[in-house]
PDB file of all heavy atoms in Angstrom:
ATOM      1  N   PRO A   1       5.157 -11.975 -16.477  1.00  0.00           N
ATOM      2  CA  PRO A   1       6.157 -10.903 -16.374  1.00  0.00           C
ATOM      3  C   PRO A   1       7.149 -10.907 -17.532  1.00  0.00           C
ATOM      4  O   PRO A   1       7.431 -11.947 -18.135  1.00  0.00           O
ATOM      5  CB  PRO A   1       6.871 -11.231 -15.058  1.00  0.00           C
ATOM      6  CG  PRO A   1       6.683 -12.709 -14.880  1.00  0.00           C
ATOM      7  CD  PRO A   1       5.313 -12.984 -15.423  1.00  0.00           C
ATOM      8  N   ARG A   2       7.662  -9.731 -17.798  1.00  0.00           N
ATOM      9  CA  ARG A   2       8.716  -9.566 -18.797  1.00  0.00           C
ATOM     10  C   ARG A   2      10.053  -9.688 -18.068  1.00  0.00           C
ATOM     11  O   ARG A   2      10.369  -8.854 -17.207  1.00  0.00           O
ATOM     12  CB  ARG A   2       8.585  -8.213 -19.476  1.00  0.00           C
ATOM     13  CG  ARG A   2       7.254  -8.025 -20.214  1.00  0.00           C
ATOM     14  CD  ARG A   2       6.955  -6.568 -20.453  1.00  0.00           C
ATOM     15  NE  ARG A   2       6.758  -5.832 -19.194  1.00  0.00           N
ATOM     16  CZ  ARG A   2       6.476  -4.543 -19.112  1.00  0.00           C
ATOM     17  NH1 ARG A   2       6.353  -3.831 -20.225  1.00  0.00           N
ATOM     18  NH2 ARG A   2       6.324  -3.955 -17.940  1.00  0.00           N
ATOM     19  N   ILE A   3      10.816 -10.712 -18.404  1.00  0.00           N
ATOM     20  CA  ILE A   3      12.033 -11.053 -17.671  1.00  0.00           C
ATOM     21  C   ILE A   3      13.246 -10.884 -18.579  1.00  0.00           C
ATOM     22  O   ILE A   3      13.216 -11.264 -19.754  1.00  0.00           O
ATOM     23  CB  ILE A   3      11.961 -12.502 -17.152  1.00  0.00           C
ATOM     24  CG1 ILE A   3      10.745 -12.662 -16.228  1.00  0.00           C
ATOM     25  CG2 ILE A   3      13.241 -12.887 -16.415  1.00  0.00           C
ATOM     26  CD1 ILE A   3      10.453 -14.111 -15.846  1.00  0.00           C
ATOM     27  N   LEU A   4      14.304 -10.320 -18.023  1.00  0.00           N
ATOM     28  CA  LEU A   4      15.570 -10.157 -18.736  1.00  0.00           C
ATOM     29  C   LEU A   4      16.653 -10.866 -17.935  1.00  0.00           C
ATOM     30  O   LEU A   4      16.878 -10.548 -16.768  1.00  0.00           O
ATOM     31  CB  LEU A   4      15.912  -8.671 -18.889  1.00  0.00           C
ATOM     32  CG  LEU A   4      17.209  -8.331 -19.627  1.00  0.00           C
ATOM     33  CD1 LEU A   4      17.098  -8.714 -21.094  1.00  0.00           C
ATOM     34  CD2 LEU A   4      17.534  -6.839 -19.487  1.00  0.00           C
ATOM     35  N   ASP A   5      17.308 -11.856 -18.549  1.00  0.00           N
ATOM     36  CA  ASP A   5      18.388 -12.599 -17.905  1.00  0.00           C
ATOM     37  C   ASP A   5      19.703 -12.156 -18.547  1.00  0.00           C
ATOM     38  O   ASP A   5      19.992 -12.489 -19.694  1.00  0.00           O
ATOM     39  CB  ASP A   5      18.170 -14.105 -18.078  1.00  0.00           C
ATOM     40  CG  ASP A   5      19.210 -14.947 -17.348  1.00  0.00           C
ATOM     41  OD1 ASP A   5      20.097 -14.364 -16.690  1.00  0.00           O
ATOM     42  OD2 ASP A   5      19.129 -16.181 -17.442  1.00  0.00           O
ATOM     43  N   VAL A   6      20.488 -11.401 -17.782  1.00  0.00           N
ATOM     44  CA  VAL A   6      21.730 -10.818 -18.304  1.00  0.00           C
ATOM     45  C   VAL A   6      22.892 -11.772 -18.016  1.00  0.00           C
ATOM     46  O   VAL A   6      23.128 -12.144 -16.873  1.00  0.00           O
ATOM     47  CB  VAL A   6      21.989  -9.444 -17.666  1.00  0.00           C
ATOM     48  CG1 VAL A   6      23.286  -8.852 -18.227  1.00  0.00           C
ATOM     49  CG2 VAL A   6      20.822  -8.505 -17.918  1.00  0.00           C
ATOM     50  N   GLY A   7      23.620 -12.139 -19.066  1.00  0.00           N
ATOM     51  CA  GLY A   7      24.653 -13.145 -18.924  1.00  0.00           C
ATOM     52  C   GLY A   7      24.022 -14.511 -18.749  1.00  0.00           C
ATOM     53  O   GLY A   7      24.379 -15.289 -17.872  1.00  0.00           O
ATOM     54  N   CYS A   8      23.101 -14.836 -19.642  1.00  0.00           N
ATOM     55  CA  CYS A   8      22.217 -15.985 -19.464  1.00  0.00           C
ATOM     56  C   CYS A   8      22.892 -17.326 -19.670  1.00  0.00           C
ATOM     57  O   CYS A   8      22.374 -18.360 -19.222  1.00  0.00           O
ATOM     58  CB  CYS A   8      21.018 -15.877 -20.401  1.00  0.00           C
ATOM     59  SG  CYS A   8      21.457 -15.963 -22.167  1.00  0.00           S
ATOM     60  N   GLY A   9      24.045 -17.365 -20.368  1.00  0.00           N
ATOM     61  CA  GLY A   9      24.660 -18.648 -20.673  1.00  0.00           C
ATOM     62  C   GLY A   9      23.704 -19.521 -21.465  1.00  0.00           C
ATOM     63  O   GLY A   9      23.003 -19.062 -22.364  1.00  0.00           O
ATOM     64  N   THR A  10      23.641 -20.789 -21.096  1.00  0.00           N
ATOM     65  CA  THR A  10      22.773 -21.735 -21.801  1.00  0.00           C
ATOM     66  C   THR A  10      21.384 -21.824 -21.176  1.00  0.00           C
ATOM     67  O   THR A  10      20.612 -22.719 -21.525  1.00  0.00           O
ATOM     68  CB  THR A  10      23.409 -23.132 -21.831  1.00  0.00           C
ATOM     69  OG1 THR A  10      23.644 -23.568 -20.483  1.00  0.00           O
ATOM     70  CG2 THR A  10      24.726 -23.116 -22.596  1.00  0.00           C
ATOM     71  N   GLY A  11      21.081 -20.922 -20.250  1.00  0.00           N
ATOM     72  CA  GLY A  11      19.720 -20.832 -19.733  1.00  0.00           C
ATOM     73  C   GLY A  11      19.400 -21.567 -18.450  1.00  0.00           C
ATOM     74  O   GLY A  11      18.237 -21.914 -18.241  1.00  0.00           O
ATOM     75  N   PRO A  12      20.372 -21.798 -17.540  1.00  0.00           N
ATOM     76  CA  PRO A  12      20.030 -22.471 -16.287  1.00  0.00           C
ATOM     77  C   PRO A  12      19.058 -21.684 -15.426  1.00  0.00           C
ATOM     78  O   PRO A  12      18.358 -22.257 -14.594  1.00  0.00           O
ATOM     79  CB  PRO A  12      21.380 -22.636 -15.589  1.00  0.00           C
ATOM     80  CG  PRO A  12      22.261 -21.593 -16.185  1.00  0.00           C
ATOM     81  CD  PRO A  12      21.815 -21.480 -17.615  1.00  0.00           C
ATOM     82  N   ALA A  13      18.986 -20.361 -15.629  1.00  0.00           N
ATOM     83  CA  ALA A  13      17.980 -19.548 -14.946  1.00  0.00           C
ATOM     84  C   ALA A  13      16.850 -19.156 -15.891  1.00  0.00           C
ATOM     85  O   ALA A  13      15.679 -19.207 -15.520  1.00  0.00           O
ATOM     86  CB  ALA A  13      18.617 -18.292 -14.348  1.00  0.00           C
ATOM     87  N   ALA A  14      17.192 -18.768 -17.107  1.00  0.00           N
ATOM     88  CA  ALA A  14      16.188 -18.237 -18.042  1.00  0.00           C
ATOM     89  C   ALA A  14      15.048 -19.212 -18.276  1.00  0.00           C
ATOM     90  O   ALA A  14      13.863 -18.840 -18.233  1.00  0.00           O
ATOM     91  CB  ALA A  14      16.849 -17.873 -19.376  1.00  0.00           C
ATOM     92  N   VAL A  15      15.385 -20.478 -18.519  1.00  0.00           N
ATOM     93  CA  VAL A  15      14.341 -21.454 -18.834  1.00  0.00           C
ATOM     94  C   VAL A  15      13.476 -21.772 -17.617  1.00  0.00           C
ATOM     95  O   VAL A  15      12.246 -21.734 -17.705  1.00  0.00           O
ATOM     96  CB  VAL A  15      14.959 -22.717 -19.459  1.00  0.00           C
ATOM     97  CG1 VAL A  15      13.912 -23.814 -19.603  1.00  0.00           C
ATOM     98  CG2 VAL A  15      15.575 -22.385 -20.819  1.00  0.00           C
ATOM     99  N   PRO A  16      14.044 -22.060 -16.440  1.00  0.00           N
ATOM    100  CA  PRO A  16      13.195 -22.270 -15.263  1.00  0.00           C
ATOM    101  C   PRO A  16      12.348 -21.057 -14.901  1.00  0.00           C
ATOM    102  O   PRO A  16      11.224 -21.210 -14.415  1.00  0.00           O
ATOM    103  CB  PRO A  16      14.200 -22.588 -14.155  1.00  0.00           C
ATOM    104  CG  PRO A  16      15.380 -23.154 -14.859  1.00  0.00           C
ATOM    105  CD  PRO A  16      15.452 -22.393 -16.155  1.00  0.00           C
ATOM    106  N   LEU A  17      12.864 -19.858 -15.134  1.00  0.00           N
ATOM    107  CA  LEU A  17      12.065 -18.659 -14.862  1.00  0.00           C
ATOM    108  C   LEU A  17      10.848 -18.601 -15.776  1.00  0.00           C
ATOM    109  O   LEU A  17       9.755 -18.228 -15.354  1.00  0.00           O
ATOM    110  CB  LEU A  17      12.919 -17.403 -15.028  1.00  0.00           C
ATOM    111  CG  LEU A  17      13.942 -17.136 -13.919  1.00  0.00           C
ATOM    112  CD1 LEU A  17      14.872 -15.990 -14.317  1.00  0.00           C
ATOM    113  CD2 LEU A  17      13.248 -16.810 -12.594  1.00  0.00           C
ATOM    114  N   ALA A  18      11.030 -18.958 -17.040  1.00  0.00           N
ATOM    115  CA  ALA A  18       9.898 -18.983 -17.965  1.00  0.00           C
ATOM    116  C   ALA A  18       8.870 -20.018 -17.519  1.00  0.00           C
ATOM    117  O   ALA A  18       7.659 -19.758 -17.539  1.00  0.00           O
ATOM    118  CB  ALA A  18      10.378 -19.292 -19.382  1.00  0.00           C
ATOM    119  N   VAL A  19       9.356 -21.185 -17.093  1.00  0.00           N
ATOM    120  CA  VAL A  19       8.456 -22.247 -16.645  1.00  0.00           C
ATOM    121  C   VAL A  19       7.706 -21.827 -15.385  1.00  0.00           C
ATOM    122  O   VAL A  19       6.485 -22.009 -15.271  1.00  0.00           O
ATOM    123  CB  VAL A  19       9.247 -23.543 -16.391  1.00  0.00           C
ATOM    124  CG1 VAL A  19       8.355 -24.601 -15.743  1.00  0.00           C
ATOM    125  CG2 VAL A  19       9.845 -24.077 -17.687  1.00  0.00           C
ATOM    126  N   ALA A  20       8.436 -21.238 -14.423  1.00  0.00           N
ATOM    127  CA  ALA A  20       7.856 -20.932 -13.123  1.00  0.00           C
ATOM    128  C   ALA A  20       6.881 -19.768 -13.156  1.00  0.00           C
ATOM    129  O   ALA A  20       5.904 -19.745 -12.406  1.00  0.00           O
ATOM    130  CB  ALA A  20       8.966 -20.646 -12.110  1.00  0.00           C
ATOM    131  N   THR A  21       7.141 -18.774 -14.010  1.00  0.00           N
ATOM    132  CA  THR A  21       6.348 -17.547 -13.980  1.00  0.00           C
ATOM    133  C   THR A  21       5.304 -17.455 -15.075  1.00  0.00           C
ATOM    134  O   THR A  21       4.375 -16.644 -14.975  1.00  0.00           O
ATOM    135  CB  THR A  21       7.262 -16.312 -14.100  1.00  0.00           C
ATOM    136  OG1 THR A  21       7.859 -16.292 -15.405  1.00  0.00           O
ATOM    137  CG2 THR A  21       8.344 -16.325 -13.035  1.00  0.00           C
ATOM    138  N   GLY A  22       5.452 -18.234 -16.136  1.00  0.00           N
ATOM    139  CA  GLY A  22       4.569 -18.080 -17.281  1.00  0.00           C
ATOM    140  C   GLY A  22       4.870 -16.846 -18.098  1.00  0.00           C
ATOM    141  O   GLY A  22       4.119 -16.490 -19.011  1.00  0.00           O
ATOM    142  N   GLY A  23       5.995 -16.173 -17.780  1.00  0.00           N
ATOM    143  CA  GLY A  23       6.345 -14.950 -18.479  1.00  0.00           C
ATOM    144  C   GLY A  23       7.204 -15.178 -19.699  1.00  0.00           C
ATOM    145  O   GLY A  23       7.496 -16.313 -20.078  1.00  0.00           O
ATOM    146  N   THR A  24       7.603 -14.079 -20.315  1.00  0.00           N
ATOM    147  CA  THR A  24       8.512 -14.119 -21.452  1.00  0.00           C
ATOM    148  C   THR A  24       9.903 -13.739 -20.968  1.00  0.00           C
ATOM    149  O   THR A  24      10.060 -12.829 -20.151  1.00  0.00           O
ATOM    150  CB  THR A  24       8.070 -13.154 -22.550  1.00  0.00           C
ATOM    151  OG1 THR A  24       7.995 -11.822 -22.009  1.00  0.00           O
ATOM    152  CG2 THR A  24       6.718 -13.537 -23.099  1.00  0.00           C
ATOM    153  N   VAL A  25      10.911 -14.439 -21.474  1.00  0.00           N
ATOM    154  CA  VAL A  25      12.280 -14.227 -21.021  1.00  0.00           C
ATOM    155  C   VAL A  25      13.172 -13.901 -22.206  1.00  0.00           C
ATOM    156  O   VAL A  25      13.166 -14.621 -23.215  1.00  0.00           O
ATOM    157  CB  VAL A  25      12.833 -15.472 -20.298  1.00  0.00           C
ATOM    158  CG1 VAL A  25      14.250 -15.205 -19.798  1.00  0.00           C
ATOM    159  CG2 VAL A  25      11.925 -15.878 -19.137  1.00  0.00           C
ATOM    160  N   THR A  26      13.929 -12.822 -22.077  1.00  0.00           N
ATOM    161  CA  THR A  26      14.983 -12.499 -23.029  1.00  0.00           C
ATOM    162  C   THR A  26      16.316 -12.781 -22.357  1.00  0.00           C
ATOM    163  O   THR A  26      16.633 -12.183 -21.331  1.00  0.00           O
ATOM    164  CB  THR A  26      14.915 -11.026 -23.465  1.00  0.00           C
ATOM    165  OG1 THR A  26      13.654 -10.765 -24.077  1.00  0.00           O
ATOM    166  CG2 THR A  26      16.035 -10.704 -24.450  1.00  0.00           C
ATOM    167  N   GLY A  27      17.055 -13.717 -22.922  1.00  0.00           N
ATOM    168  CA  GLY A  27      18.381 -14.033 -22.402  1.00  0.00           C
ATOM    169  C   GLY A  27      19.436 -13.334 -23.228  1.00  0.00           C
ATOM    170  O   GLY A  27      19.430 -13.418 -24.457  1.00  0.00           O
ATOM    171  N   VAL A  28      20.339 -12.635 -22.547  1.00  0.00           N
ATOM    172  CA  VAL A  28      21.371 -11.860 -23.232  1.00  0.00           C
ATOM    173  C   VAL A  28      22.744 -12.448 -22.920  1.00  0.00           C
ATOM    174  O   VAL A  28      23.094 -12.668 -21.760  1.00  0.00           O
ATOM    175  CB  VAL A  28      21.335 -10.385 -22.796  1.00  0.00           C
ATOM    176  CG1 VAL A  28      22.464  -9.599 -23.456  1.00  0.00           C
ATOM    177  CG2 VAL A  28      19.988  -9.763 -23.126  1.00  0.00           C
ATOM    178  N   ASP A  29      23.522 -12.708 -23.965  1.00  0.00           N
ATOM    179  CA  ASP A  29      24.890 -13.192 -23.806  1.00  0.00           C
ATOM    180  C   ASP A  29      25.652 -12.876 -25.087  1.00  0.00           C
ATOM    181  O   ASP A  29      25.043 -12.791 -26.161  1.00  0.00           O
ATOM    182  CB  ASP A  29      24.897 -14.700 -23.546  1.00  0.00           C
ATOM    183  CG  ASP A  29      26.122 -15.150 -22.749  1.00  0.00           C
ATOM    184  OD1 ASP A  29      27.239 -15.039 -23.277  1.00  0.00           O
ATOM    185  OD2 ASP A  29      25.949 -15.587 -21.600  1.00  0.00           O
ATOM    186  N   LEU A  30      26.951 -12.695 -24.972  1.00  0.00           N
ATOM    187  CA  LEU A  30      27.758 -12.404 -26.160  1.00  0.00           C
ATOM    188  C   LEU A  30      28.264 -13.664 -26.837  1.00  0.00           C
ATOM    189  O   LEU A  30      28.699 -13.610 -27.987  1.00  0.00           O
ATOM    190  CB  LEU A  30      28.958 -11.512 -25.773  1.00  0.00           C
ATOM    191  CG  LEU A  30      28.688 -10.017 -25.682  1.00  0.00           C
ATOM    192  CD1 LEU A  30      29.919  -9.293 -25.151  1.00  0.00           C
ATOM    193  CD2 LEU A  30      28.276  -9.442 -27.031  1.00  0.00           C
ATOM    194  N   HIS A  31      28.228 -14.792 -26.146  1.00  0.00           N
ATOM    195  CA  HIS A  31      28.789 -16.027 -26.690  1.00  0.00           C
ATOM    196  C   HIS A  31      27.697 -16.784 -27.444  1.00  0.00           C
ATOM    197  O   HIS A  31      26.787 -17.349 -26.829  1.00  0.00           O
ATOM    198  CB  HIS A  31      29.359 -16.870 -25.550  1.00  0.00           C
ATOM    199  CG  HIS A  31      30.183 -18.039 -25.996  1.00  0.00           C
ATOM    200  ND1 HIS A  31      31.234 -17.921 -26.880  1.00  0.00           N
ATOM    201  CD2 HIS A  31      30.113 -19.368 -25.677  1.00  0.00           C
ATOM    202  CE1 HIS A  31      31.782 -19.100 -27.078  1.00  0.00           C
ATOM    203  NE2 HIS A  31      31.121 -19.995 -26.382  1.00  0.00           N
ATOM    204  N   GLU A  32      27.781 -16.802 -28.742  1.00  0.00           N
ATOM    205  CA  GLU A  32      26.722 -17.386 -29.578  1.00  0.00           C
ATOM    206  C   GLU A  32      26.450 -18.865 -29.262  1.00  0.00           C
ATOM    207  O   GLU A  32      25.282 -19.282 -29.240  1.00  0.00           O
ATOM    208  CB  GLU A  32      27.070 -17.215 -31.056  1.00  0.00           C
ATOM    209  CG  GLU A  32      27.086 -15.766 -31.536  1.00  0.00           C
ATOM    210  CD  GLU A  32      25.695 -15.226 -31.836  1.00  0.00           C
ATOM    211  OE1 GLU A  32      24.712 -15.955 -31.619  1.00  0.00           O
ATOM    212  OE2 GLU A  32      25.611 -14.070 -32.289  1.00  0.00           O
TER     213      GLU A  32
END
């Protein structure tokens, strides 16, 4: 699946979602 994590921070959801689903994740945040 194509996953979008809005307000991703350092990836506490984005990375596990990529691991669990095998999908691609775009994490969006304003804080570099």
